[in-house]
N, C-alpha and C. Protein backbone atom coordinates (compact mmCIF):
# COMPACT_ATOMS: atom_id res chain seq x y z
N UNK A 1 0.84 -1.04 0.09
CA UNK A 1 0.31 0.02 0.00
C UNK A 1 0.86 1.36 0.02
N UNK A 2 2.00 1.21 0.85
CA UNK A 2 2.95 2.38 0.55
C UNK A 2 3.82 2.54 -0.54
N UNK A 3 3.54 3.24 -1.41
CA UNK A 3 4.21 3.38 -2.76
C UNK A 3 5.75 3.93 -2.80
N UNK A 4 6.67 3.13 -1.97
CA UNK A 4 8.07 3.65 -1.99
C UNK A 4 8.87 3.88 -3.24
N UNK A 5 8.71 2.70 -4.21
CA UNK A 5 9.15 2.60 -5.27
C UNK A 5 8.80 3.76 -6.29
N UNK A 6 7.54 3.56 -6.30
CA UNK A 6 6.87 4.54 -7.24
C UNK A 6 6.94 5.95 -7.03
N UNK A 7 6.95 6.26 -5.69
CA UNK A 7 7.09 7.73 -5.63
C UNK A 7 8.56 8.07 -6.00
N UNK A 8 9.46 7.44 -5.71
CA UNK A 8 11.05 7.82 -5.67
C UNK A 8 11.14 7.71 -7.55
N UNK A 9 10.64 6.78 -8.23
CA UNK A 9 10.70 6.96 -9.66
C UNK A 9 9.94 7.99 -10.23
N UNK A 10 9.04 8.36 -9.52
CA UNK A 10 8.37 9.41 -10.09
C UNK A 10 8.87 10.80 -10.00
N UNK A 11 9.91 11.11 -9.23
CA UNK A 11 10.52 12.58 -9.23
C UNK A 11 11.25 12.62 -10.45
N UNK A 12 11.97 11.57 -10.91
CA UNK A 12 12.51 11.69 -12.33
C UNK A 12 11.88 11.52 -13.49
N UNK A 13 10.97 10.64 -13.52
CA UNK A 13 10.10 10.40 -14.65
C UNK A 13 9.19 11.53 -14.97
N UNK A 14 8.50 12.11 -13.92
CA UNK A 14 7.59 13.23 -13.90
C UNK A 14 8.39 14.59 -13.88
N UNK A 15 9.88 14.56 -14.14
CA UNK A 15 10.52 15.75 -14.10
C UNK A 15 9.99 16.75 -13.03
N UNK A 16 10.27 16.19 -11.86
CA UNK A 16 9.91 17.06 -10.89
C UNK A 16 11.27 17.46 -10.18
N UNK A 17 12.21 17.32 -10.40
CA UNK A 17 13.65 17.74 -9.70
C UNK A 17 13.47 19.33 -9.82
N UNK A 18 13.37 19.98 -10.70
CA UNK A 18 13.20 21.76 -10.78
C UNK A 18 12.34 22.06 -9.65
N UNK A 19 11.12 21.51 -9.45
CA UNK A 19 10.13 21.97 -8.41
C UNK A 19 10.85 21.51 -7.18
N UNK A 20 11.24 20.53 -7.10
CA UNK A 20 11.99 19.88 -5.61
C UNK A 20 12.97 21.01 -5.19
N UNK A 21 13.70 21.50 -6.22
CA UNK A 21 14.90 22.53 -5.99
C UNK A 21 14.19 23.86 -5.42
N UNK A 22 13.11 24.18 -6.22
CA UNK A 22 12.30 25.42 -5.61
C UNK A 22 11.56 25.45 -4.41
N UNK A 23 11.26 24.24 -4.15
CA UNK A 23 10.73 23.86 -2.86
C UNK A 23 11.71 23.94 -1.91
N UNK A 24 12.69 23.51 -2.01
CA UNK A 24 13.96 23.30 -0.95
C UNK A 24 14.37 24.98 -0.58
N UNK A 25 14.51 25.57 -1.71
CA UNK A 25 14.56 26.99 -1.78
C UNK A 25 13.72 27.83 -0.61
N UNK A 26 12.49 27.46 -1.08
CA UNK A 26 11.32 28.04 -0.36
C UNK A 26 11.10 27.72 1.20
N UNK A 27 11.76 26.50 1.48
CA UNK A 27 11.52 25.89 2.69
C UNK A 27 12.72 26.76 3.61
N UNK A 28 13.92 26.57 3.06
CA UNK A 28 14.96 27.52 3.56
C UNK A 28 14.56 28.96 4.18
N UNK A 29 13.88 29.53 2.85
CA UNK A 29 13.26 30.95 3.15
C UNK A 29 12.46 31.34 4.09
N UNK A 30 11.53 29.93 4.13
CA UNK A 30 10.43 30.36 5.18
C UNK A 30 11.04 29.98 6.73
N UNK A 31 11.64 28.98 6.83
CA UNK A 31 12.52 28.62 8.05
C UNK A 31 13.32 29.93 8.74
N UNK A 32 14.30 30.49 7.84
CA UNK A 32 15.13 31.65 8.14
C UNK A 32 14.23 32.96 8.44
N UNK A 33 13.48 32.98 7.78
CA UNK A 33 12.50 34.25 7.84
C UNK A 33 11.70 34.21 8.97
N UNK A 34 11.24 32.99 9.55
CA UNK A 34 10.56 33.01 10.80
C UNK A 34 11.63 33.11 12.01
N UNK A 35 12.54 32.61 11.76
CA UNK A 35 13.73 32.80 12.79
C UNK A 35 14.26 34.28 12.87
N UNK A 36 14.41 34.82 11.83
CA UNK A 36 14.84 36.12 11.90
C UNK A 36 13.78 37.42 12.25
N UNK A 37 12.53 36.83 11.96
CA UNK A 37 11.30 37.74 12.49
C UNK A 37 11.22 37.60 13.86
N UNK A 38 11.34 36.39 14.60
CA UNK A 38 11.03 36.26 16.04
C UNK A 38 12.34 37.00 16.67
N UNK A 39 13.58 36.50 15.99
CA UNK A 39 14.74 37.08 16.74
C UNK A 39 14.78 38.83 16.67
N UNK A 40 14.29 39.27 15.71
CA UNK A 40 14.11 40.71 15.56
C UNK A 40 13.21 41.37 16.54
N UNK A 41 12.11 40.99 16.71
CA UNK A 41 10.93 41.20 17.52
C UNK A 41 11.36 40.97 18.97
N UNK A 42 12.24 40.23 19.44
CA UNK A 42 12.60 39.75 20.67
C UNK A 42 13.55 40.71 20.88
N UNK A 43 14.48 41.05 19.90
CA UNK A 43 15.58 42.46 20.16
C UNK A 43 14.84 43.57 20.52
N UNK A 44 13.89 43.81 19.87
CA UNK A 44 13.39 45.00 20.17
C UNK A 44 12.38 45.07 21.36
N UNK A 45 11.87 44.04 21.71
CA UNK A 45 11.15 44.14 22.72
C UNK A 45 12.01 43.79 24.21
N UNK A 46 13.02 43.00 23.96
CA UNK A 46 13.76 42.84 25.32
C UNK A 46 15.26 43.83 25.12
N UNK A 47 15.24 44.51 26.01
CA UNK A 47 16.64 45.38 25.61
C UNK A 47 17.24 45.25 27.05
N UNK A 48 18.36 44.33 27.05
CA UNK A 48 19.15 44.27 28.14
C UNK A 48 20.46 45.38 28.08
N UNK A 49 20.73 46.01 29.32
CA UNK A 49 21.41 47.22 28.94
C UNK A 49 22.83 47.03 28.93
N UNK A 50 23.23 45.76 29.46
CA UNK A 50 24.66 45.33 29.45
C UNK A 50 24.72 44.64 27.77
N UNK A 51 25.74 45.22 27.12
CA UNK A 51 25.98 44.91 25.74
C UNK A 51 25.84 43.55 25.27
N UNK A 52 26.82 42.85 25.98
CA UNK A 52 27.43 41.61 25.86
C UNK A 52 26.22 40.55 26.34
N UNK A 53 25.60 40.87 27.62
CA UNK A 53 24.46 39.98 27.79
C UNK A 53 23.19 40.18 26.93
N UNK A 54 22.95 41.35 26.06
CA UNK A 54 22.20 41.56 25.40
C UNK A 54 22.32 40.84 24.02
N UNK A 55 23.61 40.60 23.59
CA UNK A 55 23.99 40.11 22.43
C UNK A 55 24.07 38.64 22.78
N UNK A 56 24.03 38.03 23.80
CA UNK A 56 24.26 36.73 24.23
C UNK A 56 22.71 36.20 24.28
N UNK A 57 21.91 37.19 24.93
CA UNK A 57 20.52 36.85 24.81
C UNK A 57 19.85 36.63 23.60
N UNK A 58 19.90 37.59 22.53
CA UNK A 58 19.49 37.45 21.25
C UNK A 58 20.09 36.35 20.72
N UNK A 59 21.38 35.94 20.69
CA UNK A 59 21.78 34.87 20.22
C UNK A 59 21.15 33.49 20.59
N UNK A 60 20.98 33.43 21.83
CA UNK A 60 20.43 32.38 22.52
C UNK A 60 18.66 32.24 21.90
N UNK A 61 18.04 33.23 21.79
CA UNK A 61 16.99 33.19 21.24
C UNK A 61 16.80 32.95 19.85
N UNK A 62 17.74 33.28 18.93
CA UNK A 62 18.10 32.82 17.68
C UNK A 62 18.14 31.45 17.52
N UNK A 63 19.00 30.90 18.17
CA UNK A 63 19.45 29.42 18.20
C UNK A 63 18.09 28.73 18.65
N UNK A 64 17.48 29.08 19.81
CA UNK A 64 16.23 28.22 20.18
C UNK A 64 15.18 28.18 19.18
N UNK A 65 15.03 29.36 18.55
CA UNK A 65 13.91 29.74 17.35
C UNK A 65 14.12 28.83 16.13
N UNK A 66 15.55 28.82 16.22
CA UNK A 66 16.01 27.86 14.95
C UNK A 66 15.83 26.44 15.03
N UNK A 67 16.11 25.82 16.32
CA UNK A 67 15.64 24.56 16.70
C UNK A 67 14.30 24.19 16.83
N UNK A 68 13.61 25.15 17.09
CA UNK A 68 12.07 24.98 17.30
C UNK A 68 11.41 25.11 15.89
N UNK A 69 12.11 25.93 14.69
CA UNK A 69 11.88 26.26 13.53
C UNK A 69 11.88 24.86 12.81
N UNK A 70 13.04 24.09 13.27
CA UNK A 70 13.33 22.81 12.61
C UNK A 70 12.40 21.70 12.97
N UNK A 71 11.79 21.94 14.09
CA UNK A 71 10.92 20.60 14.48
C UNK A 71 9.64 21.19 14.04
N UNK A 72 9.48 22.37 13.72
CA UNK A 72 8.23 22.99 13.13
C UNK A 72 7.98 22.75 11.76
N UNK A 73 8.82 22.25 11.16
CA UNK A 73 8.89 22.10 9.62
C UNK A 73 7.74 20.97 9.19
N UNK A 74 7.17 20.01 9.98
CA UNK A 74 5.97 19.61 9.37
C UNK A 74 4.85 20.16 9.43
N UNK A 75 4.78 21.21 10.21
CA UNK A 75 3.62 22.03 10.04
C UNK A 75 3.67 22.98 9.14
N UNK A 76 4.78 23.38 8.47
CA UNK A 76 5.11 24.12 7.41
C UNK A 76 4.78 23.43 6.20
N UNK A 77 4.95 22.22 6.15
CA UNK A 77 5.01 21.28 4.85
C UNK A 77 3.88 21.52 3.88
N UNK A 78 2.64 21.56 4.32
CA UNK A 78 1.47 21.87 3.43
C UNK A 78 1.40 22.95 2.90
N UNK A 79 1.91 24.27 3.76
CA UNK A 79 2.00 25.43 3.19
C UNK A 79 2.75 25.58 2.11
N UNK A 80 3.96 25.00 2.37
CA UNK A 80 5.05 25.15 1.10
C UNK A 80 4.56 24.08 0.12
N UNK A 81 3.97 23.06 0.10
CA UNK A 81 3.49 22.24 -0.84
C UNK A 81 2.47 22.92 -1.66
N UNK A 82 1.65 23.64 -1.09
CA UNK A 82 0.55 24.33 -1.78
C UNK A 82 0.94 25.26 -2.96
N UNK A 83 2.22 25.81 -2.91
CA UNK A 83 2.68 26.47 -4.09
C UNK A 83 3.00 25.84 -5.27
N UNK A 84 3.28 24.45 -4.98
CA UNK A 84 3.68 23.46 -6.03
C UNK A 84 2.80 22.25 -6.38
N UNK A 85 1.57 22.23 -5.72
CA UNK A 85 0.60 21.25 -5.46
C UNK A 85 -0.07 20.93 -7.11
N UNK A 86 -0.53 21.67 -7.54
CA UNK A 86 -1.39 21.35 -8.78
C UNK A 86 -0.32 21.03 -9.93
N UNK A 87 0.64 21.78 -9.98
CA UNK A 87 1.73 21.22 -11.13
C UNK A 87 2.54 19.78 -10.83
N UNK A 88 2.51 19.39 -9.66
CA UNK A 88 3.29 18.10 -9.11
C UNK A 88 2.21 17.16 -9.60
N UNK A 89 0.84 17.45 -9.16
CA UNK A 89 -0.01 16.43 -9.65
C UNK A 89 -0.29 16.21 -11.04
N UNK A 90 -0.51 17.44 -11.71
CA UNK A 90 -0.67 17.04 -13.21
C UNK A 90 0.51 16.22 -13.79
N UNK A 91 1.70 16.83 -13.35
CA UNK A 91 2.96 16.04 -14.05
C UNK A 91 2.87 14.35 -13.60
N UNK A 92 2.73 13.95 -12.33
CA UNK A 92 2.66 12.88 -11.99
C UNK A 92 1.37 12.06 -12.87
N UNK A 93 0.50 12.65 -12.61
CA UNK A 93 -0.99 11.84 -13.52
C UNK A 93 -0.62 12.01 -15.12
N UNK A 94 0.05 12.98 -15.52
CA UNK A 94 0.29 12.68 -17.19
C UNK A 94 1.28 11.55 -17.31
N UNK A 95 2.04 11.14 -16.46
CA UNK A 95 2.89 9.91 -16.69
C UNK A 95 2.26 8.67 -16.38
N UNK A 96 1.63 8.63 -15.04
CA UNK A 96 1.31 7.53 -14.66
C UNK A 96 -0.38 7.07 -14.74
N UNK A 97 -1.12 8.33 -14.92
CA UNK A 97 -2.69 8.14 -14.85
C UNK A 97 -3.15 9.03 -16.07
N UNK A 98 -2.82 8.93 -17.06
CA UNK A 98 -3.18 10.07 -18.15
C UNK A 98 -4.42 10.07 -18.49
N UNK A 99 -5.52 9.28 -17.99
CA UNK A 99 -6.87 9.36 -18.30
C UNK A 99 -7.41 10.24 -17.06
N UNK A 100 -6.81 10.51 -16.11
CA UNK A 100 -7.28 11.29 -14.97
C UNK A 100 -6.77 12.83 -14.74
N UNK A 101 -5.99 12.85 -15.93
CA UNK A 101 -5.37 14.39 -15.81
C UNK A 101 -6.59 15.52 -16.26
N UNK A 102 -6.70 16.61 -15.44
CA UNK A 102 -7.70 17.39 -15.63
C UNK A 102 -7.28 18.54 -16.82
N UNK A 103 -8.17 18.80 -17.60
CA UNK A 103 -7.70 19.82 -18.56
C UNK A 103 -7.45 21.19 -18.37
N UNK A 104 -7.93 21.64 -17.04
CA UNK A 104 -7.57 23.07 -16.69
C UNK A 104 -6.20 23.20 -16.49
N UNK A 105 -5.53 24.35 -16.53
CA UNK A 105 -4.21 24.96 -16.72
C UNK A 105 -3.90 24.96 -14.99
N UNK A 106 -2.91 24.37 -14.64
CA UNK A 106 -2.65 23.98 -13.13
C UNK A 106 -2.39 25.69 -12.65
N UNK A 107 -2.93 25.89 -11.51
CA UNK A 107 -2.97 27.05 -10.80
C UNK A 107 -1.55 27.19 -10.04
N UNK A 108 -0.75 28.38 -9.74
CA UNK A 108 0.63 28.41 -9.14
C UNK A 108 0.33 28.17 -7.62
N UNK A 109 -0.78 28.53 -6.91
CA UNK A 109 -1.01 28.33 -5.68
C UNK A 109 -2.57 28.20 -5.44
N UNK A 110 -2.92 26.96 -5.26
CA UNK A 110 -4.44 26.70 -5.08
C UNK A 110 -4.76 26.71 -3.66
N UNK A 111 -5.80 26.98 -3.33
CA UNK A 111 -6.41 26.83 -1.98
C UNK A 111 -5.59 27.61 -1.03
N UNK A 112 -4.96 28.70 -1.23
CA UNK A 112 -4.22 29.51 -0.27
C UNK A 112 -4.69 29.61 1.09
N UNK A 113 -5.84 30.08 1.11
CA UNK A 113 -6.50 30.36 2.60
C UNK A 113 -6.55 29.26 3.43
N UNK A 114 -7.07 27.89 2.84
CA UNK A 114 -7.14 26.55 3.38
C UNK A 114 -5.68 26.29 4.00
N UNK A 115 -4.68 26.45 3.10
CA UNK A 115 -3.33 26.10 3.58
C UNK A 115 -2.86 27.01 4.55
N UNK A 116 -3.14 28.32 4.60
CA UNK A 116 -2.62 29.24 5.77
C UNK A 116 -3.34 28.46 7.04
N UNK A 117 -4.72 28.47 6.90
CA UNK A 117 -5.38 27.93 8.19
C UNK A 117 -4.74 26.72 8.84
N UNK A 118 -4.57 25.74 7.58
CA UNK A 118 -4.26 24.53 8.23
C UNK A 118 -2.77 24.63 9.11
N UNK A 119 -1.99 25.41 8.20
CA UNK A 119 -0.71 25.79 9.03
C UNK A 119 -0.79 26.25 10.33
N UNK A 120 -1.59 27.36 10.54
CA UNK A 120 -1.66 28.02 11.76
C UNK A 120 -2.33 26.90 12.70
N UNK A 121 -2.99 26.17 12.49
CA UNK A 121 -3.51 25.19 13.38
C UNK A 121 -2.71 24.12 13.62
N UNK A 122 -2.03 23.72 12.53
CA UNK A 122 -0.78 22.49 12.93
C UNK A 122 0.13 23.21 13.91
N UNK A 123 0.85 24.42 13.59
CA UNK A 123 1.77 25.13 14.24
C UNK A 123 1.11 25.30 15.83
N UNK A 124 -0.02 25.76 16.11
CA UNK A 124 -0.63 25.73 17.34
C UNK A 124 -0.56 24.49 18.00
N UNK A 125 -1.03 23.37 17.35
CA UNK A 125 -0.95 21.94 18.15
C UNK A 125 0.60 21.70 18.43
N UNK A 126 1.59 21.92 17.41
CA UNK A 126 3.02 21.50 17.86
C UNK A 126 3.63 22.66 19.01
N UNK A 127 2.85 23.72 18.91
CA UNK A 127 3.53 24.61 19.97
C UNK A 127 2.90 23.99 21.48
N UNK A 128 1.82 23.54 21.38
CA UNK A 128 1.27 22.83 22.83
C UNK A 128 1.78 21.59 23.17
N UNK A 129 2.52 21.03 22.02
CA UNK A 129 3.27 19.82 22.48
C UNK A 129 4.58 19.94 23.10
N UNK A 130 5.21 21.07 22.90
CA UNK A 130 6.62 21.60 23.51
C UNK A 130 6.68 21.46 24.88
N UNK A 131 5.90 21.71 25.81
CA UNK A 131 5.97 21.44 27.00
C UNK A 131 6.10 19.97 27.51
N UNK A 132 5.75 18.95 26.50
CA UNK A 132 5.77 17.46 26.76
C UNK A 132 7.20 17.05 26.61
N UNK A 133 8.08 17.68 25.87
CA UNK A 133 9.54 17.51 25.70
C UNK A 133 10.10 17.17 26.99
N UNK A 134 9.62 18.28 28.05
CA UNK A 134 10.14 17.98 29.30
C UNK A 134 10.16 16.75 30.11
N UNK A 135 9.19 16.08 29.66
CA UNK A 135 8.54 14.74 30.31
C UNK A 135 9.03 13.62 29.47
N UNK A 136 9.58 14.01 28.41
CA UNK A 136 10.22 12.89 27.50
C UNK A 136 9.08 12.21 26.56
N UNK A 137 8.04 12.81 26.25
CA UNK A 137 6.92 12.29 25.48
C UNK A 137 6.61 13.16 24.53
N UNK A 138 7.17 14.33 24.45
CA UNK A 138 7.00 15.32 23.37
C UNK A 138 7.25 14.79 21.84
N UNK A 139 8.55 14.00 21.79
CA UNK A 139 8.70 13.64 20.27
C UNK A 139 7.68 12.66 20.14
N UNK A 140 7.24 11.64 20.64
CA UNK A 140 6.14 10.72 20.24
C UNK A 140 4.99 11.30 19.89
N UNK A 141 4.45 12.31 20.95
CA UNK A 141 3.30 12.97 20.63
C UNK A 141 3.23 13.68 19.40
N UNK A 142 4.37 14.36 19.40
CA UNK A 142 4.52 15.07 17.96
C UNK A 142 4.40 14.53 16.60
N UNK A 143 5.11 13.20 16.61
CA UNK A 143 5.08 12.35 15.45
C UNK A 143 3.60 11.66 15.41
N UNK A 144 3.01 11.52 16.23
CA UNK A 144 1.38 10.88 16.11
C UNK A 144 0.79 12.04 15.72
N UNK A 145 0.68 13.23 16.06
CA UNK A 145 -0.29 14.49 15.80
C UNK A 145 0.04 14.72 14.32
N UNK A 146 1.43 14.72 13.89
CA UNK A 146 1.60 15.23 12.61
C UNK A 146 1.26 14.22 11.52
N UNK A 147 1.62 12.85 11.89
CA UNK A 147 1.27 11.74 10.93
C UNK A 147 -0.27 11.86 10.47
N UNK A 148 -0.94 12.15 11.68
CA UNK A 148 -2.55 12.28 11.47
C UNK A 148 -2.60 13.48 10.54
N UNK A 149 -1.87 14.73 10.99
CA UNK A 149 -2.55 16.07 10.13
C UNK A 149 -1.98 15.88 8.80
N UNK A 150 -0.77 15.47 8.39
CA UNK A 150 -0.12 15.11 7.22
C UNK A 150 -0.70 14.31 6.37
N UNK A 151 -1.02 13.12 6.93
CA UNK A 151 -1.70 12.09 5.97
C UNK A 151 -2.90 12.57 5.49
N UNK A 152 -3.70 13.08 6.49
CA UNK A 152 -5.04 13.44 6.16
C UNK A 152 -5.07 14.65 5.15
N UNK A 153 -4.56 15.73 5.35
CA UNK A 153 -4.46 16.62 4.38
C UNK A 153 -3.76 16.54 3.19
N UNK A 154 -2.61 15.85 3.09
CA UNK A 154 -1.86 15.62 1.64
C UNK A 154 -2.86 14.73 0.94
N UNK A 155 -3.59 13.53 1.54
CA UNK A 155 -4.28 12.68 0.76
C UNK A 155 -5.73 13.54 0.57
N UNK A 156 -6.39 14.41 1.27
CA UNK A 156 -7.56 15.09 0.83
C UNK A 156 -7.09 16.22 -0.36
N UNK A 157 -5.92 16.57 -0.44
CA UNK A 157 -5.35 17.41 -1.50
C UNK A 157 -5.57 16.62 -2.79
N UNK A 158 -4.78 15.45 -2.82
CA UNK A 158 -4.68 14.57 -4.00
C UNK A 158 -5.95 14.04 -4.39
N UNK A 159 -6.99 13.67 -3.50
CA UNK A 159 -8.10 13.05 -4.01
C UNK A 159 -8.97 14.10 -4.25
N UNK A 160 -8.97 15.26 -3.28
CA UNK A 160 -9.69 16.31 -3.49
C UNK A 160 -9.65 17.17 -4.80
N UNK A 161 -8.50 16.64 -5.37
CA UNK A 161 -8.41 17.62 -6.62
C UNK A 161 -9.19 16.83 -7.97
N UNK A 162 -9.62 15.57 -7.57
CA UNK A 162 -10.69 15.07 -8.46
C UNK A 162 -12.21 14.96 -7.90
N UNK A 163 -12.12 14.64 -6.44
CA UNK A 163 -13.36 14.24 -5.98
C UNK A 163 -14.07 15.40 -5.22
N UNK A 164 -13.28 16.49 -5.11
CA UNK A 164 -13.67 17.50 -4.21
C UNK A 164 -13.40 17.46 -2.73
N UNK A 165 -13.15 17.97 -1.73
CA UNK A 165 -12.77 18.13 -0.25
C UNK A 165 -13.81 16.95 0.28
N UNK A 166 -14.99 17.11 0.28
CA UNK A 166 -15.99 16.36 1.10
C UNK A 166 -15.99 14.90 0.79
N UNK A 167 -15.82 14.49 -0.62
CA UNK A 167 -15.81 13.24 -0.77
C UNK A 167 -14.28 12.69 -0.68
N UNK A 168 -13.20 13.46 -0.74
CA UNK A 168 -12.05 13.19 -0.32
C UNK A 168 -11.88 12.56 1.13
N UNK A 169 -12.46 13.53 2.08
CA UNK A 169 -12.54 13.18 3.40
C UNK A 169 -13.19 11.79 3.70
N UNK A 170 -14.42 11.91 3.09
CA UNK A 170 -15.17 10.37 3.29
C UNK A 170 -14.24 9.05 2.88
N UNK A 171 -13.60 9.42 1.62
CA UNK A 171 -12.78 8.26 1.36
C UNK A 171 -11.60 7.96 2.28
N UNK A 172 -11.00 9.08 2.51
CA UNK A 172 -9.75 9.18 3.60
C UNK A 172 -10.33 8.16 4.94
N UNK A 173 -11.42 8.44 5.31
CA UNK A 173 -11.95 7.97 6.55
C UNK A 173 -12.30 6.51 6.36
N UNK A 174 -12.30 6.03 5.18
CA UNK A 174 -12.64 4.59 4.84
C UNK A 174 -11.37 3.75 4.59
N UNK A 175 -10.17 4.54 4.49
CA UNK A 175 -8.89 3.89 4.41
C UNK A 175 -7.91 4.63 5.25
N UNK A 176 -8.18 4.55 6.55
CA UNK A 176 -7.36 5.43 7.50
C UNK A 176 -5.83 4.50 7.66
N UNK A 177 -5.77 3.36 7.61
CA UNK A 177 -4.48 2.61 7.60
C UNK A 177 -3.38 3.44 6.48
N UNK A 178 -4.05 3.48 5.16
CA UNK A 178 -3.17 3.81 4.15
C UNK A 178 -2.77 5.33 4.28
N UNK A 179 -3.94 5.85 4.57
CA UNK A 179 -3.44 7.50 4.75
C UNK A 179 -2.82 7.88 5.81
N UNK A 180 -2.77 7.47 7.00
CA UNK A 180 -2.25 7.54 8.49
C UNK A 180 -0.77 7.10 8.38
N UNK A 181 -0.69 6.02 7.87
CA UNK A 181 0.47 5.04 7.51
C UNK A 181 1.38 6.02 6.58
N UNK A 182 1.03 6.57 5.56
CA UNK A 182 1.72 7.41 4.65
C UNK A 182 1.92 8.71 5.55
N UNK A 183 1.19 9.01 6.17
CA UNK A 183 1.63 10.40 7.07
C UNK A 183 2.58 10.04 8.00
N UNK A 184 2.60 9.02 8.57
CA UNK A 184 3.62 8.57 9.32
C UNK A 184 5.17 8.47 8.67
N UNK A 185 5.12 7.85 7.53
CA UNK A 185 6.36 7.98 6.81
C UNK A 185 6.81 9.42 6.46
N UNK A 186 5.56 10.17 5.85
CA UNK A 186 6.07 11.75 5.61
C UNK A 186 6.55 12.39 6.75
N UNK A 187 6.00 12.35 7.81
CA UNK A 187 6.38 12.97 9.16
C UNK A 187 7.72 12.42 9.43
N UNK A 188 8.19 11.18 9.41
CA UNK A 188 9.69 11.00 9.78
C UNK A 188 10.49 11.67 8.58
N UNK A 189 10.07 11.66 7.47
CA UNK A 189 10.95 12.27 6.54
C UNK A 189 11.20 13.72 6.94
N UNK A 190 10.39 14.30 7.21
CA UNK A 190 10.27 15.82 7.58
C UNK A 190 11.51 16.31 8.77
N UNK A 191 11.82 15.14 9.47
CA UNK A 191 12.85 15.12 10.33
C UNK A 191 14.26 14.89 9.95
N UNK A 192 14.51 14.55 8.62
CA UNK A 192 15.60 14.15 8.26
C UNK A 192 16.43 15.42 7.51
N UNK A 193 17.45 15.76 8.17
CA UNK A 193 18.16 16.98 7.72
C UNK A 193 18.50 16.71 6.02
N UNK A 194 18.16 17.99 5.42
CA UNK A 194 18.26 17.92 3.80
C UNK A 194 17.01 17.32 2.96
N UNK A 195 16.84 16.10 3.44
CA UNK A 195 15.56 15.32 2.80
C UNK A 195 14.32 16.30 3.16
N UNK A 196 14.05 16.65 4.28
CA UNK A 196 12.97 17.56 4.73
C UNK A 196 12.69 18.82 3.82
N UNK A 197 13.76 19.11 3.21
CA UNK A 197 13.53 20.44 2.39
C UNK A 197 12.83 19.93 0.96
N UNK A 198 12.92 18.76 0.76
CA UNK A 198 11.86 18.41 -0.37
C UNK A 198 10.87 17.52 -0.14
N UNK A 199 10.64 17.36 1.00
CA UNK A 199 9.37 16.46 1.41
C UNK A 199 8.09 16.94 0.84
N UNK A 200 7.84 18.47 0.97
CA UNK A 200 6.53 18.75 0.23
C UNK A 200 6.23 18.36 -1.12
N UNK A 201 6.99 18.26 -1.95
CA UNK A 201 6.88 17.50 -3.18
C UNK A 201 6.57 16.00 -3.08
N UNK A 202 7.50 15.27 -2.45
CA UNK A 202 7.40 14.00 -2.10
C UNK A 202 6.16 13.44 -1.59
N UNK A 203 5.59 14.36 -0.53
CA UNK A 203 4.53 14.24 -0.03
C UNK A 203 3.22 14.24 -0.76
N UNK A 204 3.22 15.06 -1.72
CA UNK A 204 2.06 15.27 -2.93
C UNK A 204 2.20 13.75 -3.80
N UNK A 205 3.37 13.73 -4.21
CA UNK A 205 3.54 12.63 -5.20
C UNK A 205 3.06 10.94 -4.37
N UNK A 206 3.42 11.07 -3.18
CA UNK A 206 3.03 9.74 -2.56
C UNK A 206 1.49 9.67 -2.24
N UNK A 207 0.85 10.77 -1.98
CA UNK A 207 -0.58 10.58 -1.86
C UNK A 207 -1.19 10.30 -3.15
N UNK A 208 -0.83 11.00 -4.27
CA UNK A 208 -1.48 10.71 -5.63
C UNK A 208 -1.39 9.48 -5.81
N UNK A 209 -0.36 8.76 -5.57
CA UNK A 209 -0.30 7.32 -5.91
C UNK A 209 -1.17 6.39 -4.85
N UNK A 210 -1.20 6.85 -3.90
CA UNK A 210 -2.11 6.31 -2.67
C UNK A 210 -3.75 6.56 -3.20
N UNK A 211 -4.03 7.67 -3.69
CA UNK A 211 -5.39 8.02 -4.20
C UNK A 211 -5.70 7.08 -5.32
N UNK A 212 -4.68 7.03 -6.19
CA UNK A 212 -4.94 6.37 -7.19
C UNK A 212 -5.23 4.84 -7.19
N UNK A 213 -4.25 4.26 -6.18
CA UNK A 213 -4.17 2.94 -5.91
C UNK A 213 -5.70 2.48 -5.26
N UNK A 214 -6.31 3.37 -4.39
CA UNK A 214 -7.41 3.18 -3.90
C UNK A 214 -8.53 3.16 -4.74
N UNK A 215 -8.36 4.22 -5.79
CA UNK A 215 -9.38 4.39 -6.86
C UNK A 215 -9.38 3.20 -7.73
N UNK A 216 -8.03 2.63 -8.05
CA UNK A 216 -8.08 1.24 -8.86
C UNK A 216 -8.81 0.14 -7.99
N UNK A 217 -8.48 -0.11 -6.80
CA UNK A 217 -9.08 -0.88 -6.12
C UNK A 217 -10.54 -1.13 -5.87
N UNK A 218 -11.22 0.39 -5.68
CA UNK A 218 -12.74 0.42 -5.79
C UNK A 218 -13.48 0.23 -7.06
N UNK A 219 -12.49 0.00 -8.11
CA UNK A 219 -13.16 0.05 -9.41
C UNK A 219 -12.66 -1.51 -9.99
N UNK A 220 -11.79 -2.12 -9.27
CA UNK A 220 -11.07 -3.30 -9.84
C UNK A 220 -12.15 -4.60 -9.65
């Protein structure tokens, strides 16, 4: 059910390497931008009179924010993927599922408001989990939450491209093992350095194959 080989081969066959590079650049910009913004706000809100102590404090804030941003990447994955989603789906389906390709021209950024709301909700949940790291269970809880969130969201995006969101959600509820199993693998990939920069594209490809696999079984 988990299309490892097909997903990996799709990256080359569907000519996605350029999109993956653009995705990686955007991921770096988003994380660095968030770190820079939080550091800047902190520097202007907290003003310690001793110069060296002020510098040390801002350095610590920047470092901790950077580490936090790294662990928040799962929550940002859907937002980043949204900018490349339709192009990715069209290219993969053009190679593997030509009868399913939609005739409309792919948009650059579909469902932007939906992706923003999801990202804010995912960030909120991940922030709530942070105190649990002090008790040694934060990592596990974070994995479980993000597996559910990413599996559901990426599947509903891929299936919703053809069925619409309500029917895609219904199909996902009928196939939780495939959806959340895929979400678990996607979440683990977001924690691997360098690989996590390309996960938004990989996740879209993965769920396109999952959706069409379920569609084939339902009509087989």
